[in-house]
Amino acid sequence: MKQPITGYHKDNENHWVAQLACGHNQHVRHDPPWVNRPWVITPEGRASMRGGRAGLQKV
């Protein structure tokens, strides 16, 4: 289920984590070639995705 991104923080390994409206967190790594999210690198890029939706997988 996709939820709006409400903020960001870094985890203990210095990876970016999106805080979602539902209260969950989702890693938003930029790790080419496997994961390509260049918007994670800059404050402006992260701000542009705020309010956008990130997906959570049901397990």
Foldseek 3Di string as FASTA:
>chain_A
DKFFFADWDADPVRFIWTQGPVRDIHTQGPDPPVHHQVLRVDPVSVVVRGRPIDDDDDD
